[in-house]
Amino acid sequence: MKKHRDSHSVALNKSEWALLLIDVVNDFDFPEGRKLLRFALPAARRLAALKQRAGQAHIPTIYVNDNFGRWQSDFHKQVDRCLDQDCLGAPIAKLLIPTGNDYFVLKPKHSGFFSTSLGVLLSHLGARKLILGGFATDICVLFTANDAYMRDYQLFVPSDCAAAETAEAHRRACEHMKRFLRADIRVSRKLRFSVG
């Protein structure tokens, strides 16, 4: 892993890979929240294991998270709120709690690239291979994958590390990403990173 100092003297880890955790810091406080949570919790357990493996390979993790419609949001406050024992999403927030080495990007819409600094961050990191996981497969994961594909990133979307409100919606979204976005959707335990 090489250190790079940009023009603003901020040290960033250079890596051709990056792990994007999409909307995992989530209170699940919406009409279909419980339905999604049923599938999201098992996916989060596998995503936590993948995050640990990625960290051991010096692959940066970027939390790409919804701002919950609050334009004055602070990501750390969102984490604290979602860790509260009364929050429906607390079990997932506890599994995927950010560390001091992680990055985060708040997004106003479905795609992690739309009106955010994600592209700039990925460029500074030197990332060209993106691993996407999170919720929901057929909405925010799919929209982010689509925009990543349009920007010529190589995509990996482990099918066991994302979830939708139904198994069928999840399956259809994964097949769509495989067919149209050329995403590798093999399960996380079969995913191998080669880090130079």
N, C-alpha and C. Protein backbone atom coordinates (compact mmCIF):
# COMPACT_ATOMS: atom_id res chain seq x y z
N MET A 1 0.85 -1.18 0.00
CA MET A 1 0.00 0.00 0.00
C MET A 1 0.89 1.23 0.00
N LYS A 2 0.60 2.13 -0.91
CA LYS A 2 1.38 3.35 -0.99
C LYS A 2 0.58 4.50 -0.41
N LYS A 3 1.29 5.38 0.24
CA LYS A 3 0.67 6.61 0.75
C LYS A 3 0.82 7.69 -0.31
N HIS A 4 -0.23 8.46 -0.47
CA HIS A 4 -0.23 9.56 -1.42
C HIS A 4 -0.65 10.82 -0.69
N ARG A 5 0.07 11.91 -0.94
CA ARG A 5 -0.30 13.18 -0.31
C ARG A 5 -0.81 14.09 -1.42
N ASP A 6 -2.08 14.48 -1.31
CA ASP A 6 -2.67 15.31 -2.36
C ASP A 6 -2.30 16.78 -2.15
N SER A 7 -2.85 17.64 -3.02
CA SER A 7 -2.48 19.05 -2.99
C SER A 7 -2.92 19.76 -1.71
N HIS A 8 -3.83 19.15 -0.95
CA HIS A 8 -4.27 19.74 0.31
C HIS A 8 -3.60 19.06 1.51
N SER A 9 -2.55 18.32 1.26
CA SER A 9 -1.76 17.64 2.30
C SER A 9 -2.57 16.65 3.12
N VAL A 10 -3.50 15.95 2.47
CA VAL A 10 -4.26 14.92 3.14
C VAL A 10 -3.72 13.57 2.68
N ALA A 11 -3.26 12.75 3.62
CA ALA A 11 -2.70 11.45 3.27
C ALA A 11 -3.82 10.46 3.01
N LEU A 12 -3.77 9.81 1.85
CA LEU A 12 -4.76 8.80 1.49
C LEU A 12 -4.04 7.51 1.15
N ASN A 13 -4.65 6.38 1.50
CA ASN A 13 -4.11 5.10 1.11
C ASN A 13 -4.47 4.84 -0.34
N LYS A 14 -3.47 4.50 -1.15
CA LYS A 14 -3.71 4.19 -2.55
C LYS A 14 -4.08 2.72 -2.66
N SER A 15 -5.14 2.45 -3.41
CA SER A 15 -5.58 1.07 -3.61
C SER A 15 -6.42 1.01 -4.88
N GLU A 16 -6.18 0.00 -5.71
CA GLU A 16 -7.01 -0.13 -6.91
C GLU A 16 -8.39 -0.68 -6.56
N TRP A 17 -8.56 -1.20 -5.35
CA TRP A 17 -9.84 -1.72 -4.87
C TRP A 17 -10.43 -0.78 -3.84
N ALA A 18 -11.76 -0.75 -3.76
CA ALA A 18 -12.45 -0.06 -2.68
C ALA A 18 -13.74 -0.81 -2.37
N LEU A 19 -14.08 -0.88 -1.10
CA LEU A 19 -15.32 -1.52 -0.65
C LEU A 19 -16.32 -0.42 -0.33
N LEU A 20 -17.46 -0.43 -1.00
CA LEU A 20 -18.51 0.57 -0.77
C LEU A 20 -19.65 -0.08 0.00
N LEU A 21 -19.92 0.43 1.19
CA LEU A 21 -21.02 -0.04 2.01
C LEU A 21 -22.18 0.95 1.85
N ILE A 22 -23.22 0.52 1.19
CA ILE A 22 -24.29 1.41 0.78
C ILE A 22 -25.47 1.33 1.73
N ASP A 23 -25.76 2.44 2.37
CA ASP A 23 -26.92 2.58 3.27
C ASP A 23 -26.98 1.53 4.38
N VAL A 24 -25.83 1.16 4.90
CA VAL A 24 -25.81 0.18 6.00
C VAL A 24 -26.05 0.85 7.35
N VAL A 25 -25.77 2.15 7.44
CA VAL A 25 -26.10 2.90 8.66
C VAL A 25 -27.51 3.42 8.43
N ASN A 26 -28.47 2.67 8.93
CA ASN A 26 -29.86 2.82 8.52
C ASN A 26 -30.77 2.53 9.71
N ASP A 27 -31.74 3.40 9.94
CA ASP A 27 -32.65 3.14 11.06
C ASP A 27 -33.81 2.22 10.68
N PHE A 28 -33.96 1.93 9.38
CA PHE A 28 -35.03 1.05 8.89
C PHE A 28 -36.41 1.56 9.31
N ASP A 29 -36.50 2.86 9.51
CA ASP A 29 -37.75 3.48 9.95
C ASP A 29 -38.54 3.97 8.74
N PHE A 30 -39.05 3.01 7.97
CA PHE A 30 -39.88 3.31 6.81
C PHE A 30 -40.85 2.14 6.65
N PRO A 31 -41.91 2.30 5.87
CA PRO A 31 -42.98 1.29 5.85
C PRO A 31 -42.52 -0.15 5.62
N GLU A 32 -41.56 -0.37 4.76
CA GLU A 32 -41.11 -1.74 4.47
C GLU A 32 -39.82 -2.09 5.22
N GLY A 33 -39.49 -1.30 6.25
CA GLY A 33 -38.24 -1.49 6.98
C GLY A 33 -38.08 -2.87 7.59
N ARG A 34 -39.10 -3.37 8.25
CA ARG A 34 -39.01 -4.70 8.87
C ARG A 34 -38.86 -5.81 7.83
N LYS A 35 -39.53 -5.61 6.70
CA LYS A 35 -39.44 -6.59 5.62
C LYS A 35 -38.01 -6.66 5.08
N LEU A 36 -37.41 -5.49 4.87
CA LEU A 36 -36.04 -5.44 4.40
C LEU A 36 -35.07 -5.96 5.45
N LEU A 37 -35.29 -5.61 6.71
CA LEU A 37 -34.39 -6.01 7.79
C LEU A 37 -34.25 -7.53 7.88
N ARG A 38 -35.32 -8.23 7.60
CA ARG A 38 -35.30 -9.70 7.64
C ARG A 38 -34.21 -10.28 6.73
N PHE A 39 -34.03 -9.66 5.57
CA PHE A 39 -33.00 -10.12 4.62
C PHE A 39 -31.67 -9.39 4.84
N ALA A 40 -31.75 -8.17 5.36
CA ALA A 40 -30.55 -7.35 5.51
C ALA A 40 -29.61 -7.85 6.62
N LEU A 41 -30.17 -8.35 7.70
CA LEU A 41 -29.33 -8.78 8.82
C LEU A 41 -28.38 -9.92 8.44
N PRO A 42 -28.86 -10.99 7.78
CA PRO A 42 -27.90 -12.03 7.35
C PRO A 42 -26.86 -11.49 6.35
N ALA A 43 -27.29 -10.59 5.46
CA ALA A 43 -26.35 -10.00 4.51
C ALA A 43 -25.31 -9.16 5.24
N ALA A 44 -25.73 -8.44 6.28
CA ALA A 44 -24.81 -7.60 7.06
C ALA A 44 -23.75 -8.44 7.75
N ARG A 45 -24.13 -9.61 8.24
CA ARG A 45 -23.13 -10.49 8.88
C ARG A 45 -22.03 -10.88 7.88
N ARG A 46 -22.44 -11.22 6.65
CA ARG A 46 -21.46 -11.58 5.63
C ARG A 46 -20.66 -10.35 5.18
N LEU A 47 -21.32 -9.20 5.15
CA LEU A 47 -20.65 -7.97 4.78
C LEU A 47 -19.60 -7.57 5.82
N ALA A 48 -19.90 -7.83 7.08
CA ALA A 48 -18.93 -7.54 8.15
C ALA A 48 -17.68 -8.41 7.98
N ALA A 49 -17.88 -9.67 7.64
CA ALA A 49 -16.74 -10.57 7.41
C ALA A 49 -15.94 -10.12 6.19
N LEU A 50 -16.64 -9.68 5.14
CA LEU A 50 -15.97 -9.19 3.94
C LEU A 50 -15.19 -7.91 4.25
N LYS A 51 -15.76 -7.03 5.04
CA LYS A 51 -15.07 -5.79 5.44
C LYS A 51 -13.79 -6.11 6.20
N GLN A 52 -13.85 -7.11 7.07
CA GLN A 52 -12.65 -7.50 7.82
C GLN A 52 -11.57 -8.03 6.87
N ARG A 53 -11.96 -8.88 5.93
CA ARG A 53 -11.00 -9.39 4.94
C ARG A 53 -10.42 -8.26 4.10
N ALA A 54 -11.27 -7.33 3.69
CA ALA A 54 -10.80 -6.21 2.88
C ALA A 54 -9.80 -5.37 3.68
N GLY A 55 -10.10 -5.14 4.96
CA GLY A 55 -9.18 -4.38 5.80
C GLY A 55 -7.83 -5.06 5.93
N GLN A 56 -7.83 -6.37 6.04
CA GLN A 56 -6.57 -7.12 6.14
C GLN A 56 -5.76 -7.00 4.85
N ALA A 57 -6.46 -6.78 3.73
CA ALA A 57 -5.79 -6.61 2.43
C ALA A 57 -5.52 -5.13 2.13
N HIS A 58 -5.74 -4.25 3.13
CA HIS A 58 -5.51 -2.81 3.00
C HIS A 58 -6.39 -2.17 1.94
N ILE A 59 -7.60 -2.70 1.80
CA ILE A 59 -8.59 -2.13 0.88
C ILE A 59 -9.45 -1.15 1.68
N PRO A 60 -9.54 0.09 1.23
CA PRO A 60 -10.33 1.07 1.98
C PRO A 60 -11.83 0.78 1.93
N THR A 61 -12.51 1.10 3.01
CA THR A 61 -13.96 1.00 3.09
C THR A 61 -14.55 2.39 3.06
N ILE A 62 -15.56 2.56 2.21
CA ILE A 62 -16.25 3.84 2.10
C ILE A 62 -17.73 3.60 2.41
N TYR A 63 -18.20 4.28 3.44
CA TYR A 63 -19.63 4.24 3.77
C TYR A 63 -20.33 5.26 2.86
N VAL A 64 -21.19 4.76 1.99
CA VAL A 64 -21.94 5.61 1.08
C VAL A 64 -23.37 5.58 1.60
N ASN A 65 -23.76 6.65 2.27
CA ASN A 65 -24.98 6.58 3.07
C ASN A 65 -25.97 7.68 2.73
N ASP A 66 -27.23 7.32 2.83
CA ASP A 66 -28.30 8.28 2.63
C ASP A 66 -28.23 9.34 3.73
N ASN A 67 -28.67 10.53 3.38
CA ASN A 67 -28.68 11.58 4.40
C ASN A 67 -30.03 11.68 5.10
N PHE A 68 -30.91 10.70 4.86
CA PHE A 68 -32.23 10.64 5.49
C PHE A 68 -33.04 11.91 5.27
N GLY A 69 -32.75 12.60 4.16
CA GLY A 69 -33.48 13.82 3.86
C GLY A 69 -33.12 14.99 4.74
N ARG A 70 -32.08 14.84 5.56
CA ARG A 70 -31.65 15.90 6.48
C ARG A 70 -30.39 16.55 5.92
N TRP A 71 -30.54 17.72 5.37
CA TRP A 71 -29.41 18.36 4.70
C TRP A 71 -28.35 18.86 5.66
N GLN A 72 -28.62 18.82 6.94
CA GLN A 72 -27.61 19.21 7.91
C GLN A 72 -27.08 17.97 8.65
N SER A 73 -27.21 16.81 8.01
CA SER A 73 -26.81 15.57 8.65
C SER A 73 -25.32 15.51 8.93
N ASP A 74 -25.00 14.83 9.97
CA ASP A 74 -23.63 14.51 10.33
C ASP A 74 -23.56 12.99 10.41
N PHE A 75 -22.63 12.40 9.66
CA PHE A 75 -22.58 10.95 9.57
C PHE A 75 -22.40 10.30 10.94
N HIS A 76 -21.56 10.87 11.77
CA HIS A 76 -21.30 10.28 13.08
C HIS A 76 -22.54 10.33 13.98
N LYS A 77 -23.32 11.38 13.83
CA LYS A 77 -24.58 11.44 14.57
C LYS A 77 -25.56 10.37 14.08
N GLN A 78 -25.52 10.12 12.78
CA GLN A 78 -26.37 9.06 12.23
C GLN A 78 -25.96 7.70 12.79
N VAL A 79 -24.66 7.48 12.87
CA VAL A 79 -24.16 6.22 13.43
C VAL A 79 -24.65 6.09 14.88
N ASP A 80 -24.46 7.14 15.67
CA ASP A 80 -24.89 7.10 17.07
C ASP A 80 -26.39 6.82 17.19
N ARG A 81 -27.18 7.48 16.35
CA ARG A 81 -28.64 7.28 16.40
C ARG A 81 -29.01 5.84 16.05
N CYS A 82 -28.33 5.28 15.05
CA CYS A 82 -28.64 3.92 14.62
C CYS A 82 -28.10 2.86 15.58
N LEU A 83 -27.16 3.24 16.43
CA LEU A 83 -26.64 2.31 17.43
C LEU A 83 -27.55 2.23 18.66
N ASP A 84 -28.47 3.17 18.79
CA ASP A 84 -29.38 3.18 19.93
C ASP A 84 -30.18 1.88 19.98
N GLN A 85 -30.32 1.31 21.16
CA GLN A 85 -30.97 0.00 21.29
C GLN A 85 -32.43 0.02 20.84
N ASP A 86 -33.05 1.20 20.83
CA ASP A 86 -34.44 1.30 20.38
C ASP A 86 -34.58 1.43 18.87
N CYS A 87 -33.47 1.55 18.17
CA CYS A 87 -33.48 1.71 16.72
C CYS A 87 -33.58 0.33 16.06
N LEU A 88 -34.47 0.20 15.11
CA LEU A 88 -34.67 -1.07 14.42
C LEU A 88 -33.38 -1.54 13.72
N GLY A 89 -32.59 -0.59 13.22
CA GLY A 89 -31.37 -0.95 12.50
C GLY A 89 -30.14 -1.15 13.37
N ALA A 90 -30.30 -1.11 14.70
CA ALA A 90 -29.16 -1.21 15.62
C ALA A 90 -28.33 -2.49 15.42
N PRO A 91 -28.94 -3.67 15.23
CA PRO A 91 -28.11 -4.87 15.06
C PRO A 91 -27.16 -4.77 13.86
N ILE A 92 -27.61 -4.12 12.79
CA ILE A 92 -26.76 -3.97 11.60
C ILE A 92 -25.70 -2.91 11.85
N ALA A 93 -26.09 -1.80 12.47
CA ALA A 93 -25.12 -0.74 12.77
C ALA A 93 -23.99 -1.28 13.66
N LYS A 94 -24.34 -2.15 14.61
CA LYS A 94 -23.32 -2.72 15.50
C LYS A 94 -22.36 -3.65 14.75
N LEU A 95 -22.90 -4.39 13.78
CA LEU A 95 -22.05 -5.27 12.98
C LEU A 95 -21.10 -4.50 12.08
N LEU A 96 -21.56 -3.35 11.60
CA LEU A 96 -20.81 -2.61 10.58
C LEU A 96 -20.39 -1.22 11.06
N ILE A 97 -20.10 -1.11 12.33
CA ILE A 97 -19.71 0.18 12.89
C ILE A 97 -18.42 0.67 12.22
N PRO A 98 -18.41 1.92 11.77
CA PRO A 98 -17.20 2.44 11.11
C PRO A 98 -16.03 2.55 12.08
N THR A 99 -14.83 2.44 11.52
CA THR A 99 -13.60 2.64 12.29
C THR A 99 -12.99 3.98 11.88
N GLY A 100 -11.95 4.37 12.57
CA GLY A 100 -11.27 5.62 12.26
C GLY A 100 -10.59 5.63 10.91
N ASN A 101 -10.37 4.46 10.31
CA ASN A 101 -9.72 4.38 9.00
C ASN A 101 -10.69 4.44 7.84
N ASP A 102 -12.00 4.38 8.12
CA ASP A 102 -13.00 4.33 7.06
C ASP A 102 -13.33 5.73 6.55
N TYR A 103 -13.80 5.77 5.33
CA TYR A 103 -14.25 7.01 4.71
C TYR A 103 -15.78 7.01 4.68
N PHE A 104 -16.38 8.18 4.50
CA PHE A 104 -17.83 8.21 4.32
C PHE A 104 -18.22 9.33 3.37
N VAL A 105 -19.30 9.06 2.65
CA VAL A 105 -19.87 10.01 1.70
C VAL A 105 -21.38 10.00 1.94
N LEU A 106 -21.96 11.18 2.16
CA LEU A 106 -23.41 11.27 2.29
C LEU A 106 -24.01 11.56 0.92
N LYS A 107 -25.08 10.84 0.58
CA LYS A 107 -25.71 11.01 -0.73
C LYS A 107 -27.14 11.51 -0.56
N PRO A 108 -27.59 12.39 -1.46
CA PRO A 108 -28.95 12.91 -1.35
C PRO A 108 -29.98 12.07 -2.07
N LYS A 109 -29.54 11.20 -2.97
CA LYS A 109 -30.45 10.38 -3.78
C LYS A 109 -29.98 8.94 -3.79
N HIS A 110 -30.51 8.16 -4.71
CA HIS A 110 -30.26 6.72 -4.73
C HIS A 110 -28.80 6.35 -5.05
N SER A 111 -28.21 7.02 -6.04
CA SER A 111 -26.85 6.67 -6.43
C SER A 111 -25.82 7.34 -5.53
N GLY A 112 -24.78 6.58 -5.21
CA GLY A 112 -23.68 7.12 -4.42
C GLY A 112 -22.88 8.16 -5.16
N PHE A 113 -23.04 8.23 -6.49
CA PHE A 113 -22.27 9.18 -7.29
C PHE A 113 -23.02 10.50 -7.51
N PHE A 114 -24.33 10.50 -7.38
CA PHE A 114 -25.12 11.67 -7.72
C PHE A 114 -24.93 12.79 -6.69
N SER A 115 -24.35 13.91 -7.14
CA SER A 115 -24.14 15.10 -6.31
C SER A 115 -23.35 14.79 -5.04
N THR A 116 -22.34 13.91 -5.14
CA THR A 116 -21.49 13.60 -4.00
C THR A 116 -20.01 13.70 -4.42
N SER A 117 -19.15 13.54 -3.45
CA SER A 117 -17.70 13.58 -3.69
C SER A 117 -17.12 12.18 -3.92
N LEU A 118 -17.97 11.18 -4.12
CA LEU A 118 -17.47 9.81 -4.24
C LEU A 118 -16.46 9.65 -5.38
N GLY A 119 -16.76 10.21 -6.53
CA GLY A 119 -15.85 10.08 -7.67
C GLY A 119 -14.49 10.69 -7.38
N VAL A 120 -14.47 11.83 -6.71
CA VAL A 120 -13.21 12.50 -6.36
C VAL A 120 -12.42 11.64 -5.37
N LEU A 121 -13.11 11.10 -4.37
CA LEU A 121 -12.44 10.25 -3.39
C LEU A 121 -11.85 9.01 -4.05
N LEU A 122 -12.62 8.34 -4.89
CA LEU A 122 -12.12 7.14 -5.57
C LEU A 122 -10.92 7.47 -6.45
N SER A 123 -10.95 8.62 -7.08
CA SER A 123 -9.82 9.04 -7.91
C SER A 123 -8.57 9.25 -7.06
N HIS A 124 -8.72 9.91 -5.90
CA HIS A 124 -7.57 10.12 -5.01
C HIS A 124 -7.03 8.80 -4.48
N LEU A 125 -7.92 7.84 -4.25
CA LEU A 125 -7.48 6.53 -3.77
C LEU A 125 -6.84 5.70 -4.87
N GLY A 126 -7.14 6.03 -6.12
CA GLY A 126 -6.65 5.24 -7.25
C GLY A 126 -7.47 3.99 -7.50
N ALA A 127 -8.69 3.96 -6.99
CA ALA A 127 -9.53 2.76 -7.09
C ALA A 127 -10.17 2.65 -8.48
N ARG A 128 -10.11 1.45 -9.04
CA ARG A 128 -10.78 1.15 -10.31
C ARG A 128 -11.66 -0.10 -10.18
N LYS A 129 -11.51 -0.84 -9.08
CA LYS A 129 -12.31 -2.05 -8.84
C LYS A 129 -13.14 -1.81 -7.58
N LEU A 130 -14.46 -1.83 -7.75
CA LEU A 130 -15.35 -1.51 -6.65
C LEU A 130 -16.14 -2.74 -6.22
N ILE A 131 -16.14 -2.98 -4.91
CA ILE A 131 -16.97 -4.03 -4.31
C ILE A 131 -18.14 -3.31 -3.65
N LEU A 132 -19.36 -3.63 -4.06
CA LEU A 132 -20.55 -2.98 -3.53
C LEU A 132 -21.36 -3.94 -2.69
N GLY A 133 -21.81 -3.46 -1.55
CA GLY A 133 -22.72 -4.24 -0.71
C GLY A 133 -23.62 -3.29 0.05
N GLY A 134 -24.77 -3.79 0.48
CA GLY A 134 -25.66 -2.96 1.27
C GLY A 134 -27.11 -3.10 0.88
N PHE A 135 -27.84 -2.00 1.05
CA PHE A 135 -29.29 -2.05 0.94
C PHE A 135 -29.83 -0.83 0.18
N ALA A 136 -30.81 -0.97 -0.59
CA ALA A 136 -31.41 -2.21 -1.04
C ALA A 136 -30.83 -2.55 -2.42
N THR A 137 -30.70 -3.83 -2.66
CA THR A 137 -30.07 -4.31 -3.89
C THR A 137 -30.70 -3.70 -5.13
N ASP A 138 -32.02 -3.63 -5.13
CA ASP A 138 -32.75 -3.18 -6.32
C ASP A 138 -32.96 -1.68 -6.39
N ILE A 139 -32.42 -0.95 -5.42
CA ILE A 139 -32.57 0.51 -5.46
C ILE A 139 -31.18 1.15 -5.39
N CYS A 140 -30.70 1.42 -4.19
CA CYS A 140 -29.46 2.20 -4.05
C CYS A 140 -28.21 1.44 -4.50
N VAL A 141 -28.15 0.14 -4.26
CA VAL A 141 -27.00 -0.63 -4.75
C VAL A 141 -27.01 -0.64 -6.27
N LEU A 142 -28.17 -0.89 -6.86
CA LEU A 142 -28.30 -0.94 -8.32
C LEU A 142 -27.98 0.42 -8.96
N PHE A 143 -28.52 1.50 -8.41
CA PHE A 143 -28.28 2.83 -8.99
C PHE A 143 -26.80 3.20 -8.89
N THR A 144 -26.17 2.86 -7.76
CA THR A 144 -24.74 3.16 -7.60
C THR A 144 -23.92 2.32 -8.56
N ALA A 145 -24.28 1.04 -8.70
CA ALA A 145 -23.57 0.16 -9.64
C ALA A 145 -23.71 0.68 -11.07
N ASN A 146 -24.90 1.13 -11.43
CA ASN A 146 -25.12 1.64 -12.77
C ASN A 146 -24.22 2.85 -13.04
N ASP A 147 -24.16 3.78 -12.10
CA ASP A 147 -23.32 4.96 -12.30
C ASP A 147 -21.84 4.60 -12.29
N ALA A 148 -21.46 3.61 -11.51
CA ALA A 148 -20.06 3.15 -11.51
C ALA A 148 -19.70 2.54 -12.86
N TYR A 149 -20.61 1.76 -13.40
CA TYR A 149 -20.38 1.14 -14.72
C TYR A 149 -20.22 2.22 -15.79
N MET A 150 -21.04 3.27 -15.72
CA MET A 150 -20.96 4.35 -16.70
C MET A 150 -19.63 5.09 -16.58
N ARG A 151 -18.96 4.95 -15.45
CA ARG A 151 -17.66 5.59 -15.24
C ARG A 151 -16.51 4.61 -15.42
N ASP A 152 -16.81 3.45 -15.96
CA ASP A 152 -15.79 2.44 -16.32
C ASP A 152 -15.09 1.78 -15.15
N TYR A 153 -15.76 1.70 -13.99
CA TYR A 153 -15.22 0.91 -12.89
C TYR A 153 -15.52 -0.56 -13.12
N GLN A 154 -14.64 -1.42 -12.64
CA GLN A 154 -14.89 -2.85 -12.64
C GLN A 154 -15.70 -3.17 -11.39
N LEU A 155 -16.81 -3.90 -11.55
CA LEU A 155 -17.76 -4.07 -10.46
C LEU A 155 -17.80 -5.48 -9.90
N PHE A 156 -17.86 -5.54 -8.58
CA PHE A 156 -18.06 -6.78 -7.84
C PHE A 156 -19.21 -6.51 -6.86
N VAL A 157 -20.27 -7.26 -6.99
CA VAL A 157 -21.44 -7.10 -6.12
C VAL A 157 -21.76 -8.48 -5.54
N PRO A 158 -21.07 -8.90 -4.47
CA PRO A 158 -21.32 -10.23 -3.91
C PRO A 158 -22.81 -10.38 -3.57
N SER A 159 -23.44 -11.37 -4.17
CA SER A 159 -24.89 -11.51 -4.04
C SER A 159 -25.35 -11.81 -2.62
N ASP A 160 -24.44 -12.26 -1.78
CA ASP A 160 -24.81 -12.57 -0.39
C ASP A 160 -24.56 -11.40 0.55
N CYS A 161 -24.10 -10.26 0.01
CA CYS A 161 -23.77 -9.09 0.84
C CYS A 161 -24.67 -7.89 0.54
N ALA A 162 -25.81 -8.17 -0.02
CA ALA A 162 -26.81 -7.12 -0.29
C ALA A 162 -28.17 -7.74 -0.05
N ALA A 163 -29.17 -6.89 0.10
CA ALA A 163 -30.52 -7.39 0.37
C ALA A 163 -31.56 -6.41 -0.16
N ALA A 164 -32.72 -6.97 -0.51
CA ALA A 164 -33.87 -6.17 -0.92
C ALA A 164 -35.05 -6.60 -0.06
N GLU A 165 -36.21 -6.02 -0.32
CA GLU A 165 -37.39 -6.33 0.49
C GLU A 165 -37.92 -7.73 0.24
N THR A 166 -37.60 -8.30 -0.95
CA THR A 166 -37.98 -9.68 -1.25
C THR A 166 -36.80 -10.39 -1.89
N ALA A 167 -36.77 -11.70 -1.76
CA ALA A 167 -35.72 -12.50 -2.38
C ALA A 167 -35.76 -12.36 -3.89
N GLU A 168 -36.96 -12.26 -4.45
CA GLU A 168 -37.10 -12.14 -5.89
C GLU A 168 -36.56 -10.81 -6.40
N ALA A 169 -36.86 -9.72 -5.70
CA ALA A 169 -36.34 -8.41 -6.10
C ALA A 169 -34.81 -8.40 -6.04
N HIS A 170 -34.26 -9.03 -5.01
CA HIS A 170 -32.81 -9.14 -4.87
C HIS A 170 -32.22 -9.94 -6.03
N ARG A 171 -32.82 -11.08 -6.33
CA ARG A 171 -32.32 -11.94 -7.42
C ARG A 171 -32.34 -11.21 -8.75
N ARG A 172 -33.45 -10.54 -9.04
CA ARG A 172 -33.58 -9.83 -10.31
C ARG A 172 -32.53 -8.71 -10.43
N ALA A 173 -32.31 -7.98 -9.35
CA ALA A 173 -31.32 -6.90 -9.38
C ALA A 173 -29.91 -7.44 -9.61
N CYS A 174 -29.58 -8.54 -8.94
CA CYS A 174 -28.25 -9.15 -9.13
C CYS A 174 -28.07 -9.62 -10.57
N GLU A 175 -29.08 -10.26 -11.13
CA GLU A 175 -29.00 -10.72 -12.51
C GLU A 175 -28.87 -9.55 -13.47
N HIS A 176 -29.58 -8.47 -13.20
CA HIS A 176 -29.48 -7.27 -14.03
C HIS A 176 -28.05 -6.73 -14.00
N MET A 177 -27.46 -6.63 -12.81
CA MET A 177 -26.10 -6.11 -12.71
C MET A 177 -25.09 -7.02 -13.40
N LYS A 178 -25.31 -8.30 -13.30
CA LYS A 178 -24.42 -9.25 -13.97
C LYS A 178 -24.52 -9.12 -15.48
N ARG A 179 -25.76 -9.06 -15.98
CA ARG A 179 -25.97 -9.05 -17.43
C ARG A 179 -25.63 -7.72 -18.07
N PHE A 180 -26.10 -6.62 -17.50
CA PHE A 180 -25.98 -5.33 -18.15
C PHE A 180 -24.81 -4.48 -17.67
N LEU A 181 -24.35 -4.72 -16.44
CA LEU A 181 -23.25 -3.92 -15.89
C LEU A 181 -21.97 -4.72 -15.77
N ARG A 182 -22.01 -5.96 -16.24
CA ARG A 182 -20.85 -6.87 -16.21
C ARG A 182 -20.29 -7.06 -14.80
N ALA A 183 -21.16 -7.01 -13.82
CA ALA A 183 -20.73 -7.17 -12.43
C ALA A 183 -20.47 -8.63 -12.12
N ASP A 184 -19.45 -8.86 -11.34
CA ASP A 184 -19.16 -10.18 -10.79
C ASP A 184 -20.01 -10.31 -9.53
N ILE A 185 -20.96 -11.27 -9.53
CA ILE A 185 -21.87 -11.38 -8.39
C ILE A 185 -21.61 -12.64 -7.57
N ARG A 186 -20.44 -13.22 -7.72
CA ARG A 186 -20.13 -14.41 -6.92
C ARG A 186 -20.24 -14.09 -5.43
N VAL A 187 -20.54 -15.09 -4.62
CA VAL A 187 -20.71 -14.87 -3.19
C VAL A 187 -19.37 -14.45 -2.57
N SER A 188 -19.45 -13.75 -1.45
CA SER A 188 -18.28 -13.11 -0.87
C SER A 188 -17.15 -14.07 -0.53
N ARG A 189 -17.47 -15.26 -0.08
CA ARG A 189 -16.39 -16.18 0.29
C ARG A 189 -15.56 -16.61 -0.91
N LYS A 190 -16.09 -16.44 -2.12
CA LYS A 190 -15.35 -16.80 -3.33
C LYS A 190 -14.64 -15.61 -3.96
N LEU A 191 -14.85 -14.44 -3.40
CA LEU A 191 -14.23 -13.25 -3.94
C LEU A 191 -12.78 -13.16 -3.49
N ARG A 192 -11.89 -12.97 -4.43
CA ARG A 192 -10.47 -12.87 -4.12
C ARG A 192 -9.95 -11.53 -4.59
N PHE A 193 -9.23 -10.84 -3.72
CA PHE A 193 -8.64 -9.56 -4.12
C PHE A 193 -7.16 -9.79 -4.41
N SER A 194 -6.69 -9.21 -5.48
CA SER A 194 -5.25 -9.20 -5.73
C SER A 194 -4.81 -7.75 -5.58
N VAL A 195 -4.07 -7.50 -4.53
CA VAL A 195 -3.66 -6.13 -4.24
C VAL A 195 -2.17 -5.98 -4.54
N GLY A 196 -1.87 -5.03 -5.41
CA GLY A 196 -0.49 -4.82 -5.82
C GLY A 196 0.28 -3.94 -4.88
